[in-house]
C-alpha atoms as a PDB file:
ATOM      1  CA  MET A   1      31.220 -40.482 -14.550  1.00  0.00           C
ATOM      2  CA  SER A   2      29.815 -37.287 -13.059  1.00  0.00           C
ATOM      3  CA  ILE A   3      30.239 -36.519  -9.361  1.00  0.00           C
ATOM      4  CA  TYR A   4      26.454 -36.403  -9.066  1.00  0.00           C
ATOM      5  CA  GLN A   5      26.221 -39.961 -10.392  1.00  0.00           C
ATOM      6  CA  GLN A   6      29.029 -41.065  -8.085  1.00  0.00           C
ATOM      7  CA  LEU A   7      27.047 -39.711  -5.136  1.00  0.00           C
ATOM      8  CA  LEU A   8      23.925 -41.555  -6.250  1.00  0.00           C
ATOM      9  CA  ASN A   9      25.960 -44.752  -6.581  1.00  0.00           C
ATOM     10  CA  ILE A  10      27.282 -44.306  -3.040  1.00  0.00           C
ATOM     11  CA  LYS A  11      23.739 -43.884  -1.753  1.00  0.00           C
ATOM     12  CA  ASN A  12      22.527 -46.965  -3.614  1.00  0.00           C
ATOM     13  CA  GLU A  13      25.473 -49.142  -2.602  1.00  0.00           C
ATOM     14  CA  LYS A  14      25.797 -48.118   1.042  1.00  0.00           C
ATOM     15  CA  GLY A  15      22.313 -46.910   1.927  1.00  0.00           C
ATOM     16  CA  ALA A  16      23.663 -43.439   2.748  1.00  0.00           C
ATOM     17  CA  GLY A  17      26.813 -41.420   2.206  1.00  0.00           C
ATOM     18  CA  PHE A  18      29.229 -39.926   4.745  1.00  0.00           C
ATOM     19  CA  LEU A  19      30.510 -36.466   3.769  1.00  0.00           C
ATOM     20  CA  VAL A  20      33.147 -34.638   5.806  1.00  0.00           C
ATOM     21  CA  LEU A  21      32.997 -30.845   5.949  1.00  0.00           C
ATOM     22  CA  LEU A  22      36.387 -29.120   5.837  1.00  0.00           C
ATOM     23  CA  ASP A  23      36.400 -25.413   6.721  1.00  0.00           C
ATOM     24  CA  PRO A  24      39.496 -23.379   5.684  1.00  0.00           C
ATOM     25  CA  ASP A  25      38.538 -20.723   8.229  1.00  0.00           C
ATOM     26  CA  ARG A  26      38.925 -23.137  11.123  1.00  0.00           C
ATOM     27  CA  LEU A  27      41.808 -25.323   9.966  1.00  0.00           C
ATOM     28  CA  GLY A  28      45.156 -24.557   8.382  1.00  0.00           C
ATOM     29  CA  ILE A  29      46.197 -26.445   5.269  1.00  0.00           C
ATOM     30  CA  PRO A  30      48.253 -29.115   7.120  1.00  0.00           C
ATOM     31  CA  GLU A  31      45.332 -29.777   9.492  1.00  0.00           C
ATOM     32  CA  ILE A  32      42.803 -29.949   6.638  1.00  0.00           C
ATOM     33  CA  VAL A  33      44.951 -32.349   4.647  1.00  0.00           C
ATOM     34  CA  GLY A  34      45.577 -34.470   7.737  1.00  0.00           C
ATOM     35  CA  LEU A  35      41.864 -34.701   8.521  1.00  0.00           C
ATOM     36  CA  ALA A  36      41.072 -35.479   4.883  1.00  0.00           C
ATOM     37  CA  LYS A  37      43.523 -38.383   4.854  1.00  0.00           C
ATOM     38  CA  LYS A  38      42.210 -39.778   8.122  1.00  0.00           C
ATOM     39  CA  SER A  39      38.631 -39.420   6.898  1.00  0.00           C
ATOM     40  CA  GLU A  40      39.338 -41.279   3.681  1.00  0.00           C
ATOM     41  CA  LYS A  41      41.035 -44.075   5.615  1.00  0.00           C
ATOM     42  CA  GLY A  42      38.192 -44.151   8.156  1.00  0.00           C
ATOM     43  CA  GLY A  43      35.429 -44.669   5.610  1.00  0.00           C
ATOM     44  CA  ALA A  44      34.244 -41.235   4.434  1.00  0.00           C
ATOM     45  CA  ASP A  45      32.719 -41.033   0.948  1.00  0.00           C
ATOM     46  CA  GLY A  46      33.618 -37.461   0.002  1.00  0.00           C
ATOM     47  CA  PHE A  47      34.429 -33.944   1.168  1.00  0.00           C
ATOM     48  CA  LEU A  48      32.580 -30.660   1.282  1.00  0.00           C
ATOM     49  CA  VAL A  49      34.841 -27.606   1.475  1.00  0.00           C
ATOM     50  CA  GLY A  50      33.492 -24.196   2.393  1.00  0.00           C
ATOM     51  CA  SER A  51      32.783 -21.583   5.027  1.00  0.00           C
ATOM     52  CA  SER A  52      29.982 -19.219   6.010  1.00  0.00           C
ATOM     53  CA  LEU A  53      32.343 -16.240   5.819  1.00  0.00           C
ATOM     54  CA  LEU A  54      35.868 -17.098   4.583  1.00  0.00           C
ATOM     55  CA  LEU A  55      38.355 -15.076   6.591  1.00  0.00           C
ATOM     56  CA  SER A  56      41.503 -16.488   5.011  1.00  0.00           C
ATOM     57  CA  SER A  57      43.049 -16.485   1.532  1.00  0.00           C
ATOM     58  CA  ARG A  58      43.859 -20.206   1.594  1.00  0.00           C
ATOM     59  CA  PHE A  59      40.581 -21.496   0.112  1.00  0.00           C
ATOM     60  CA  ASP A  60      42.013 -22.275  -3.330  1.00  0.00           C
ATOM     61  CA  GLU A  61      45.228 -23.795  -1.988  1.00  0.00           C
ATOM     62  CA  SER A  62      43.292 -25.850   0.567  1.00  0.00           C
ATOM     63  CA  ILE A  63      41.233 -27.492  -2.157  1.00  0.00           C
ATOM     64  CA  LYS A  64      44.301 -28.045  -4.314  1.00  0.00           C
ATOM     65  CA  GLN A  65      46.102 -29.799  -1.473  1.00  0.00           C
ATOM     66  CA  ILE A  66      43.077 -31.908  -0.531  1.00  0.00           C
ATOM     67  CA  ARG A  67      42.724 -33.072  -4.152  1.00  0.00           C
ATOM     68  CA  SER A  68      46.432 -33.932  -4.245  1.00  0.00           C
ATOM     69  CA  ASN A  69      46.242 -36.123  -1.163  1.00  0.00           C
ATOM     70  CA  VAL A  70      42.949 -38.040  -1.372  1.00  0.00           C
ATOM     71  CA  ASN A  71      41.026 -39.980  -3.993  1.00  0.00           C
ATOM     72  CA  LEU A  72      37.504 -39.066  -2.887  1.00  0.00           C
ATOM     73  CA  PRO A  73      35.282 -36.396  -4.476  1.00  0.00           C
ATOM     74  CA  VAL A  74      36.056 -32.838  -3.349  1.00  0.00           C
ATOM     75  CA  ILE A  75      32.936 -30.689  -3.593  1.00  0.00           C
ATOM     76  CA  ILE A  76      32.696 -26.973  -2.845  1.00  0.00           C
ATOM     77  CA  PHE A  77      30.026 -26.054  -0.283  1.00  0.00           C
ATOM     78  CA  PRO A  78      30.007 -22.293  -0.910  1.00  0.00           C
ATOM     79  CA  GLY A  79      28.984 -19.566   1.485  1.00  0.00           C
ATOM     80  CA  ASN A  80      29.119 -16.984  -1.307  1.00  0.00           C
ATOM     81  CA  ALA A  81      30.204 -16.442  -4.918  1.00  0.00           C
ATOM     82  CA  ASN A  82      33.858 -16.004  -3.909  1.00  0.00           C
ATOM     83  CA  GLN A  83      34.153 -19.639  -2.916  1.00  0.00           C
ATOM     84  CA  VAL A  84      34.847 -21.130  -6.326  1.00  0.00           C
ATOM     85  CA  SER A  85      38.007 -23.032  -7.214  1.00  0.00           C
ATOM     86  CA  LYS A  86      39.250 -24.731 -10.368  1.00  0.00           C
ATOM     87  CA  TYR A  87      40.819 -27.471  -8.250  1.00  0.00           C
ATOM     88  CA  ALA A  88      37.528 -28.936  -6.980  1.00  0.00           C
ATOM     89  CA  ASP A  89      35.629 -31.778  -8.635  1.00  0.00           C
ATOM     90  CA  ALA A  90      32.204 -30.151  -8.297  1.00  0.00           C
ATOM     91  CA  ILE A  91      30.248 -27.455  -6.503  1.00  0.00           C
ATOM     92  CA  LEU A  92      26.914 -27.592  -4.744  1.00  0.00           C
ATOM     93  CA  PHE A  93      25.049 -24.882  -6.669  1.00  0.00           C
ATOM     94  CA  LEU A  94      23.047 -23.799  -3.649  1.00  0.00           C
ATOM     95  CA  SER A  95      19.888 -21.732  -3.587  1.00  0.00           C
ATOM     96  CA  LEU A  96      18.656 -20.783  -0.119  1.00  0.00           C
ATOM     97  CA  VAL A  97      15.014 -21.601  -0.781  1.00  0.00           C
ATOM     98  CA  SER A  98      14.044 -21.445   2.900  1.00  0.00           C
ATOM     99  CA  GLY A  99      14.831 -17.719   3.021  1.00  0.00           C
ATOM    100  CA  ARG A 100      13.592 -14.653   1.202  1.00  0.00           C
ATOM    101  CA  ASN A 101      16.962 -13.003   0.682  1.00  0.00           C
ATOM    102  CA  PRO A 102      17.246 -12.513  -3.114  1.00  0.00           C
ATOM    103  CA  HIS A 103      21.046 -12.473  -2.961  1.00  0.00           C
ATOM    104  CA  LEU A 104      21.110 -16.096  -1.830  1.00  0.00           C
ATOM    105  CA  LEU A 105      18.178 -17.210  -3.945  1.00  0.00           C
ATOM    106  CA  ILE A 106      19.719 -16.020  -7.231  1.00  0.00           C
ATOM    107  CA  GLY A 107      22.125 -13.084  -6.776  1.00  0.00           C
ATOM    108  CA  GLU A 108      25.262 -14.963  -5.692  1.00  0.00           C
ATOM    109  CA  GLN A 109      24.465 -17.722  -8.186  1.00  0.00           C
ATOM    110  CA  VAL A 110      24.544 -15.248 -11.079  1.00  0.00           C
ATOM    111  CA  LYS A 111      27.947 -13.979  -9.910  1.00  0.00           C
ATOM    112  CA  ALA A 112      29.388 -17.482  -9.561  1.00  0.00           C
ATOM    113  CA  ALA A 113      27.952 -19.104 -12.700  1.00  0.00           C
ATOM    114  CA  PRO A 114      30.420 -17.683 -15.289  1.00  0.00           C
ATOM    115  CA  MET A 115      33.420 -18.682 -13.179  1.00  0.00           C
ATOM    116  CA  ILE A 116      32.014 -22.184 -12.637  1.00  0.00           C
ATOM    117  CA  LYS A 117      31.669 -22.527 -16.405  1.00  0.00           C
ATOM    118  CA  GLU A 118      35.187 -21.191 -17.055  1.00  0.00           C
ATOM    119  CA  PHE A 119      36.725 -23.608 -14.553  1.00  0.00           C
ATOM    120  CA  GLY A 120      34.761 -26.565 -15.909  1.00  0.00           C
ATOM    121  CA  LEU A 121      33.332 -27.342 -12.480  1.00  0.00           C
ATOM    122  CA  GLU A 122      30.370 -29.664 -12.287  1.00  0.00           C
ATOM    123  CA  PRO A 123      27.442 -27.761 -10.723  1.00  0.00           C
ATOM    124  CA  ILE A 124      25.033 -29.816  -8.615  1.00  0.00           C
ATOM    125  CA  PRO A 125      21.818 -27.779  -8.121  1.00  0.00           C
ATOM    126  CA  THR A 126      20.825 -28.044  -4.471  1.00  0.00           C
ATOM    127  CA  GLY A 127      17.921 -26.574  -2.531  1.00  0.00           C
ATOM    128  CA  TYR A 128      19.267 -25.275   0.772  1.00  0.00           C
ATOM    129  CA  LEU A 129      16.974 -25.159   3.807  1.00  0.00           C
ATOM    130  CA  ILE A 130      18.055 -23.741   7.169  1.00  0.00           C
ATOM    131  CA  ILE A 131      16.239 -25.404  10.071  1.00  0.00           C
ATOM    132  CA  GLU A 132      15.953 -23.847  13.540  1.00  0.00           C
ATOM    133  CA  SER A 133      18.672 -25.271  15.791  1.00  0.00           C
ATOM    134  CA  GLY A 134      18.177 -23.600  19.168  1.00  0.00           C
ATOM    135  CA  LYS A 135      20.588 -20.707  18.659  1.00  0.00           C
ATOM    136  CA  THR A 136      21.680 -18.239  15.988  1.00  0.00           C
ATOM    137  CA  THR A 137      24.242 -20.013  13.813  1.00  0.00           C
ATOM    138  CA  SER A 138      26.797 -18.472  11.458  1.00  0.00           C
ATOM    139  CA  VAL A 139      24.839 -19.435   8.370  1.00  0.00           C
ATOM    140  CA  GLN A 140      21.651 -17.942   9.772  1.00  0.00           C
ATOM    141  CA  PHE A 141      23.363 -14.666  10.689  1.00  0.00           C
ATOM    142  CA  MET A 142      25.314 -14.333   7.447  1.00  0.00           C
ATOM    143  CA  SER A 143      22.323 -15.195   5.267  1.00  0.00           C
ATOM    144  CA  ASP A 144      20.093 -12.679   7.058  1.00  0.00           C
ATOM    145  CA  THR A 145      17.172 -15.132   6.933  1.00  0.00           C
ATOM    146  CA  GLN A 146      14.845 -16.797   9.397  1.00  0.00           C
ATOM    147  CA  PRO A 147      15.210 -20.571   9.755  1.00  0.00           C
ATOM    148  CA  ILE A 148      12.258 -22.882   9.305  1.00  0.00           C
ATOM    149  CA  PRO A 149      10.825 -23.622  12.786  1.00  0.00           C
ATOM    150  CA  LYS A 150      11.923 -27.058  13.997  1.00  0.00           C
ATOM    151  CA  ASP A 151       8.351 -27.952  14.977  1.00  0.00           C
ATOM    152  CA  LYS A 152       6.814 -27.011  11.608  1.00  0.00           C
ATOM    153  CA  PRO A 153       7.444 -29.992   9.291  1.00  0.00           C
ATOM    154  CA  ASP A 154       4.710 -28.882   6.880  1.00  0.00           C
ATOM    155  CA  ILE A 155       6.608 -25.665   6.128  1.00  0.00           C
ATOM    156  CA  ALA A 156       9.807 -27.649   5.578  1.00  0.00           C
ATOM    157  CA  LYS A 157       7.989 -30.127   3.310  1.00  0.00           C
ATOM    158  CA  ALA A 158       6.548 -27.377   1.124  1.00  0.00           C
ATOM    159  CA  HIS A 159       9.951 -25.733   0.681  1.00  0.00           C
ATOM    160  CA  ALA A 160      11.632 -29.059  -0.116  1.00  0.00           C
ATOM    161  CA  LEU A 161       8.981 -29.896  -2.697  1.00  0.00           C
ATOM    162  CA  ALA A 162       9.378 -26.465  -4.287  1.00  0.00           C
ATOM    163  CA  ALA A 163      13.132 -27.130  -4.566  1.00  0.00           C
ATOM    164  CA  GLU A 164      12.419 -30.423  -6.323  1.00  0.00           C
ATOM    165  CA  TYR A 165       9.963 -28.786  -8.718  1.00  0.00           C
ATOM    166  CA  LEU A 166      12.546 -26.103  -9.492  1.00  0.00           C
ATOM    167  CA  GLY A 167      14.826 -28.878 -10.726  1.00  0.00           C
ATOM    168  CA  MET A 168      17.168 -29.232  -7.751  1.00  0.00           C
ATOM    169  CA  LYS A 169      18.974 -32.583  -7.536  1.00  0.00           C
ATOM    170  CA  PHE A 170      19.371 -32.560  -3.745  1.00  0.00           C
ATOM    171  CA  VAL A 171      17.742 -30.948  -0.748  1.00  0.00           C
ATOM    172  CA  PHE A 172      20.194 -29.915   1.976  1.00  0.00           C
ATOM    173  CA  LEU A 173      18.695 -29.591   5.469  1.00  0.00           C
ATOM    174  CA  GLU A 174      21.069 -27.438   7.515  1.00  0.00           C
ATOM    175  CA  ALA A 175      20.996 -26.795  11.241  1.00  0.00           C
ATOM    176  CA  GLY A 176      24.250 -24.826  10.988  1.00  0.00           C
ATOM    177  CA  SER A 177      27.828 -25.355  12.037  1.00  0.00           C
ATOM    178  CA  GLY A 178      28.021 -25.871  15.794  1.00  0.00           C
ATOM    179  CA  ALA A 179      24.236 -25.971  16.062  1.00  0.00           C
ATOM    180  CA  GLU A 180      22.767 -26.584  19.496  1.00  0.00           C
ATOM    181  CA  ASN A 181      20.398 -29.179  18.019  1.00  0.00           C
ATOM    182  CA  PRO A 182      20.559 -31.075  14.710  1.00  0.00           C
ATOM    183  CA  VAL A 183      17.714 -31.194  12.207  1.00  0.00           C
ATOM    184  CA  PRO A 184      14.841 -33.071  13.922  1.00  0.00           C
ATOM    185  CA  ASP A 185      14.189 -36.643  12.832  1.00  0.00           C
ATOM    186  CA  LEU A 186      10.515 -35.803  12.285  1.00  0.00           C
ATOM    187  CA  ILE A 187      11.317 -33.154   9.679  1.00  0.00           C
ATOM    188  CA  ILE A 188      13.696 -35.484   7.839  1.00  0.00           C
ATOM    189  CA  ARG A 189      11.138 -38.302   7.856  1.00  0.00           C
ATOM    190  CA  GLU A 190       8.261 -36.112   6.669  1.00  0.00           C
ATOM    191  CA  ILE A 191      10.339 -34.638   3.841  1.00  0.00           C
ATOM    192  CA  ARG A 192      11.567 -38.096   2.827  1.00  0.00           C
ATOM    193  CA  ASP A 193       7.957 -39.208   2.393  1.00  0.00           C
ATOM    194  CA  PHE A 194       7.025 -36.048   0.466  1.00  0.00           C
ATOM    195  CA  ILE A 195       9.753 -35.668  -2.162  1.00  0.00           C
ATOM    196  CA  SER A 196      11.669 -37.974  -4.489  1.00  0.00           C
ATOM    197  CA  ILE A 197      15.158 -36.436  -4.498  1.00  0.00           C
ATOM    198  CA  PRO A 198      17.938 -37.307  -2.013  1.00  0.00           C
ATOM    199  CA  ILE A 199      18.271 -35.451   1.277  1.00  0.00           C
ATOM    200  CA  ILE A 200      21.549 -34.168   2.724  1.00  0.00           C
ATOM    201  CA  VAL A 201      21.543 -33.422   6.464  1.00  0.00           C
ATOM    202  CA  GLY A 202      24.183 -31.454   8.351  1.00  0.00           C
ATOM    203  CA  GLY A 203      24.848 -29.327  11.415  1.00  0.00           C
ATOM    204  CA  GLY A 204      24.972 -30.211  15.092  1.00  0.00           C
ATOM    205  CA  ILE A 205      25.558 -33.946  14.606  1.00  0.00           C
ATOM    206  CA  THR A 206      28.174 -34.720  17.237  1.00  0.00           C
ATOM    207  CA  GLU A 207      27.733 -38.449  17.893  1.00  0.00           C
ATOM    208  CA  PRO A 208      27.585 -41.520  15.613  1.00  0.00           C
ATOM    209  CA  GLY A 209      24.305 -42.572  17.210  1.00  0.00           C
ATOM    210  CA  VAL A 210      22.715 -39.299  16.144  1.00  0.00           C
ATOM    211  CA  ALA A 211      23.998 -39.780  12.580  1.00  0.00           C
ATOM    212  CA  TYR A 212      22.469 -43.269  12.621  1.00  0.00           C
ATOM    213  CA  LYS A 213      19.067 -41.793  13.460  1.00  0.00           C
ATOM    214  CA  LYS A 214      19.295 -39.254  10.643  1.00  0.00           C
ATOM    215  CA  VAL A 215      19.843 -42.023   8.096  1.00  0.00           C
ATOM    216  CA  GLU A 216      17.176 -44.201   9.674  1.00  0.00           C
ATOM    217  CA  ASN A 217      14.691 -41.350   9.213  1.00  0.00           C
ATOM    218  CA  GLY A 218      15.563 -40.616   5.596  1.00  0.00           C
ATOM    219  CA  ALA A 219      18.896 -38.816   5.176  1.00  0.00           C
ATOM    220  CA  SER A 220      20.702 -39.942   2.021  1.00  0.00           C
ATOM    221  CA  PHE A 221      23.900 -38.151   3.061  1.00  0.00           C
ATOM    222  CA  VAL A 222      25.101 -36.984   6.470  1.00  0.00           C
ATOM    223  CA  VAL A 223      27.633 -34.160   6.815  1.00  0.00           C
ATOM    224  CA  ILE A 224      30.000 -34.130   9.808  1.00  0.00           C
ATOM    225  CA  GLY A 225      32.397 -31.267  10.494  1.00  0.00           C
ATOM    226  CA  ASN A 226      32.965 -29.823  13.964  1.00  0.00           C
ATOM    227  CA  ALA A 227      32.805 -33.199  15.698  1.00  0.00           C
ATOM    228  CA  LEU A 228      35.766 -34.512  13.701  1.00  0.00           C
ATOM    229  CA  GLU A 229      37.798 -31.355  14.220  1.00  0.00           C
ATOM    230  CA  LYS A 230      37.499 -31.992  17.944  1.00  0.00           C
ATOM    231  CA  ASP A 231      38.037 -35.770  17.834  1.00  0.00           C
ATOM    232  CA  ASP A 232      39.114 -37.483  14.615  1.00  0.00           C
ATOM    233  CA  SER A 233      39.333 -40.856  16.356  1.00  0.00           C
ATOM    234  CA  ILE A 234      35.583 -41.361  15.825  1.00  0.00           C
ATOM    235  CA  ILE A 235      35.633 -41.149  12.012  1.00  0.00           C
ATOM    236  CA  LYS A 236      35.250 -44.906  11.605  1.00  0.00           C
ATOM    237  CA  GLU A 237      32.353 -44.953  14.095  1.00  0.00           C
ATOM    238  CA  PHE A 238      30.551 -42.295  12.067  1.00  0.00           C
ATOM    239  CA  ALA A 239      31.169 -44.259   8.854  1.00  0.00           C
ATOM    240  CA  GLU A 240      29.753 -47.436  10.374  1.00  0.00           C
ATOM    241  CA  ALA A 241      26.714 -45.591  11.743  1.00  0.00           C
ATOM    242  CA  ILE A 242      25.935 -43.824   8.466  1.00  0.00           C
ATOM    243  CA  HIS A 243      26.485 -46.931   6.349  1.00  0.00           C
ATOM    244  CA  PHE A 244      24.383 -49.105   8.662  1.00  0.00           C
ATOM    245  CA  LYS A 245      21.754 -49.827   5.995  1.00  0.00           C
ATOM    246  CA  HIS A 246      24.440 -51.348   3.819  1.00  0.00           C
ATOM    247  CA  GLU A 247      25.703 -53.456   6.694  1.00  0.00           C
ATOM    248  CA  ARG A 248      22.184 -54.532   7.652  1.00  0.00           C
ATOM    249  CA  GLU A 249      21.363 -55.510   4.063  1.00  0.00           C
ATOM    250  CA  PHE A 250      24.587 -57.508   3.877  1.00  0.00           C
ATOM    251  CA  VAL A 251      23.735 -59.381   7.051  1.00  0.00           C
ATOM    252  CA  ARG A 252      20.180 -60.061   5.839  1.00  0.00           C
ATOM    253  CA  THR A 253      21.407 -61.353   2.468  1.00  0.00           C
ATOM    254  CA  GLN A 254      23.960 -63.615   4.092  1.00  0.00           C
ATOM    255  CA  THR A 255      21.341 -64.980   6.484  1.00  0.00           C
ATOM    256  CA  GLU A 256      19.002 -65.783   3.588  1.00  0.00           C
ATOM    257  CA  LYS A 257      21.829 -67.582   1.776  1.00  0.00           C
ATOM    258  CA  ASP A 258      22.617 -69.601   4.888  1.00  0.00           C
ATOM    259  CA  ASP A 259      18.954 -70.504   5.307  1.00  0.00           C
ATOM    260  CA  ARG A 260      18.708 -71.701   1.701  1.00  0.00           C
ATOM    261  CA  SER A 261      21.785 -73.859   2.094  1.00  0.00           C
ATOM    262  CA  LEU A 262      20.257 -75.817   4.994  1.00  0.00           C
END
């Protein structure tokens, strides 16, 4: 089964998926592996591995070690064409459709495509939208693009729809690592009602309650990174918050069964 289909199954079974972002620039290999193990045990559904810049040479080895120690999908979340590894299960084949920088619309993709094919990686075409977060984030600076204003849902909707019409399988709404504010609920909700492909939301989500709201407003997958680097004791709380639709459906089904048995 493809990784893409596995992700869809997770969404259908649990209501939404919980993806943990592992950044080789911020964590050494022992720390990354340790967090991956704890995340798997705590209820995560998969891992994204990548960095806006990549300052170290341990990217390949990091992915290899993660794959050797967990049984969840390991998906590359690339900042550029250099972030490709034969040890991953798949790669988000990102196109920064919210910007007008040709290098991140198609240039880096052309560089990476032959290597992805050689390694046999599964590419998952994904429309990438940077949303204003209250401060200049690494992804905004490195991409040399303007984010979509957080109070302009119509602009976000049009870009997301264009990504769908271009054949993307996911739309990724990104506030940026360490963002001051996460992607607004209004933007997520308006995009959810405007397109038919799943939405991934990441950046600036520091509390389980905030993750809950993202799913409630239409996120199919929530990405958590910095918050778990600071406190990995809340992994299970994030999993429960993100999977709340699954839990709520379970409770509703059980209640209906109990009512019928009376």
